[in-house]
Amino acid sequence: MRTFQAEDEIAAITSAIGAAYGGALGVTTSSGPGIALKGEAMGLAVMLEIPLVIVNIQRGGPSGFAYKTEQKRFDAGLLWKKW
């Protein structure tokens, strides 16, 4: 499994499409508004019938304790294959 953090949502989904087109498992994750930014590329994947996994994750928000919310987002993106 190879992971990387793309510079924006569009780069993330087009990289996942490229990986799937090359025969690898293409997965991209986002939270809420980022899915809307991926709309055009999702349409491209559908038209080309490219298998792609898109995960919409809700971030762990502040609950009075300001600690490691970024870790929750990272873990959710990496642990998807264990389910």
C-alpha atoms as a PDB file:
ATOM      1  CA  MET A   1       0.000   0.000   0.000  1.00  0.00           C
ATOM      2  CA  ARG A   2       1.312   3.441  -0.929  1.00  0.00           C
ATOM      3  CA  THR A   3      -0.054   6.585   0.634  1.00  0.00           C
ATOM      4  CA  PHE A   4       0.656  10.245   0.097  1.00  0.00           C
ATOM      5  CA  GLN A   5      -0.939  13.560   0.919  1.00  0.00           C
ATOM      6  CA  ALA A   6      -1.919  15.443  -2.208  1.00  0.00           C
ATOM      7  CA  GLU A   7      -1.861  19.217  -2.334  1.00  0.00           C
ATOM      8  CA  ASP A   8      -5.605  19.528  -2.920  1.00  0.00           C
ATOM      9  CA  GLU A   9      -8.783  17.509  -3.397  1.00  0.00           C
ATOM     10  CA  ILE A  10      -8.613  17.460  -7.192  1.00  0.00           C
ATOM     11  CA  ALA A  11      -5.047  16.139  -7.182  1.00  0.00           C
ATOM     12  CA  ALA A  12      -6.063  13.469  -4.689  1.00  0.00           C
ATOM     13  CA  ILE A  13      -8.892  12.035  -6.759  1.00  0.00           C
ATOM     14  CA  THR A  14      -7.068  12.245 -10.075  1.00  0.00           C
ATOM     15  CA  SER A  15      -4.128  10.400  -8.507  1.00  0.00           C
ATOM     16  CA  ALA A  16      -6.502   7.703  -7.283  1.00  0.00           C
ATOM     17  CA  ILE A  17      -8.011   7.472 -10.775  1.00  0.00           C
ATOM     18  CA  GLY A  18      -4.523   7.109 -12.248  1.00  0.00           C
ATOM     19  CA  ALA A  19      -3.680   4.362  -9.757  1.00  0.00           C
ATOM     20  CA  ALA A  20      -6.892   2.481 -10.571  1.00  0.00           C
ATOM     21  CA  TYR A  21      -6.283   2.889 -14.300  1.00  0.00           C
ATOM     22  CA  GLY A  22      -2.827   1.385 -13.788  1.00  0.00           C
ATOM     23  CA  GLY A  23      -4.285  -1.667 -12.035  1.00  0.00           C
ATOM     24  CA  ALA A  24      -3.805  -0.728  -8.382  1.00  0.00           C
ATOM     25  CA  LEU A  25      -6.509  -0.123  -5.805  1.00  0.00           C
ATOM     26  CA  GLY A  26      -7.421   3.567  -6.063  1.00  0.00           C
ATOM     27  CA  VAL A  27      -8.736   5.114  -2.847  1.00  0.00           C
ATOM     28  CA  THR A  28      -9.270   8.714  -1.851  1.00  0.00           C
ATOM     29  CA  THR A  29     -10.750  10.203   1.305  1.00  0.00           C
ATOM     30  CA  SER A  30     -12.169  13.571   2.165  1.00  0.00           C
ATOM     31  CA  SER A  31     -14.368  15.284   4.690  1.00  0.00           C
ATOM     32  CA  GLY A  32     -17.594  16.985   3.714  1.00  0.00           C
ATOM     33  CA  PRO A  33     -16.945  19.923   1.376  1.00  0.00           C
ATOM     34  CA  GLY A  34     -13.979  18.172  -0.234  1.00  0.00           C
ATOM     35  CA  ILE A  35     -16.313  15.649  -1.848  1.00  0.00           C
ATOM     36  CA  ALA A  36     -18.013  18.481  -3.747  1.00  0.00           C
ATOM     37  CA  LEU A  37     -14.637  19.524  -5.162  1.00  0.00           C
ATOM     38  CA  LYS A  38     -14.113  15.994  -6.453  1.00  0.00           C
ATOM     39  CA  GLY A  39     -17.380  15.987  -8.415  1.00  0.00           C
ATOM     40  CA  GLU A  40     -16.003  16.409 -11.924  1.00  0.00           C
ATOM     41  CA  ALA A  41     -13.335  13.762 -11.456  1.00  0.00           C
ATOM     42  CA  MET A  42     -15.927  11.381  -9.991  1.00  0.00           C
ATOM     43  CA  GLY A  43     -17.942  11.865 -13.172  1.00  0.00           C
ATOM     44  CA  LEU A  44     -14.853  11.023 -15.218  1.00  0.00           C
ATOM     45  CA  ALA A  45     -14.309   7.812 -13.233  1.00  0.00           C
ATOM     46  CA  VAL A  46     -17.941   6.822 -13.769  1.00  0.00           C
ATOM     47  CA  MET A  47     -17.831   7.505 -17.516  1.00  0.00           C
ATOM     48  CA  LEU A  48     -14.615   5.522 -17.927  1.00  0.00           C
ATOM     49  CA  GLU A  49     -15.912   2.762 -15.613  1.00  0.00           C
ATOM     50  CA  ILE A  50     -12.817   2.939 -13.425  1.00  0.00           C
ATOM     51  CA  PRO A  51     -13.196   1.176 -10.067  1.00  0.00           C
ATOM     52  CA  LEU A  52     -12.534   3.725  -7.364  1.00  0.00           C
ATOM     53  CA  VAL A  53     -13.173   3.865  -3.619  1.00  0.00           C
ATOM     54  CA  ILE A  54     -14.183   7.291  -2.302  1.00  0.00           C
ATOM     55  CA  VAL A  55     -14.559   7.638   1.470  1.00  0.00           C
ATOM     56  CA  ASN A  56     -16.380  10.568   3.030  1.00  0.00           C
ATOM     57  CA  ILE A  57     -15.142  10.926   6.619  1.00  0.00           C
ATOM     58  CA  GLN A  58     -16.478  13.240   9.271  1.00  0.00           C
ATOM     59  CA  ARG A  59     -13.647  14.828  11.219  1.00  0.00           C
ATOM     60  CA  GLY A  60     -13.329  14.472  14.931  1.00  0.00           C
ATOM     61  CA  GLY A  61     -14.135  17.963  16.144  1.00  0.00           C
ATOM     62  CA  PRO A  62     -13.165  19.836  19.268  1.00  0.00           C
ATOM     63  CA  SER A  63     -15.151  18.657  22.276  1.00  0.00           C
ATOM     64  CA  GLY A  64     -13.580  20.855  24.881  1.00  0.00           C
ATOM     65  CA  PHE A  65     -10.371  18.832  24.709  1.00  0.00           C
ATOM     66  CA  ALA A  66      -7.921  20.165  22.153  1.00  0.00           C
ATOM     67  CA  TYR A  67      -5.859  17.055  21.498  1.00  0.00           C
ATOM     68  CA  LYS A  68      -4.993  14.956  18.477  1.00  0.00           C
ATOM     69  CA  THR A  69      -8.024  15.575  16.267  1.00  0.00           C
ATOM     70  CA  GLU A  70      -5.643  15.383  13.320  1.00  0.00           C
ATOM     71  CA  GLN A  71      -4.672  11.856  14.388  1.00  0.00           C
ATOM     72  CA  LYS A  72      -8.290  10.750  14.109  1.00  0.00           C
ATOM     73  CA  ARG A  73      -8.405  11.890  10.502  1.00  0.00           C
ATOM     74  CA  PHE A  74      -5.098  10.169   9.710  1.00  0.00           C
ATOM     75  CA  ASP A  75      -6.131   6.879  11.324  1.00  0.00           C
ATOM     76  CA  ALA A  76      -9.484   6.828   9.549  1.00  0.00           C
ATOM     77  CA  GLY A  77      -7.770   7.228   6.203  1.00  0.00           C
ATOM     78  CA  LEU A  78      -5.180   4.511   6.827  1.00  0.00           C
ATOM     79  CA  LEU A  79      -7.232   1.871   8.595  1.00  0.00           C
ATOM     80  CA  TRP A  80      -9.892   1.487   5.894  1.00  0.00           C
ATOM     81  CA  LYS A  81      -8.356  -1.756   4.616  1.00  0.00           C
ATOM     82  CA  LYS A  82      -8.792  -3.563   7.941  1.00  0.00           C
ATOM     83  CA  TRP A  83     -12.601  -3.429   7.801  1.00  0.00           C
END
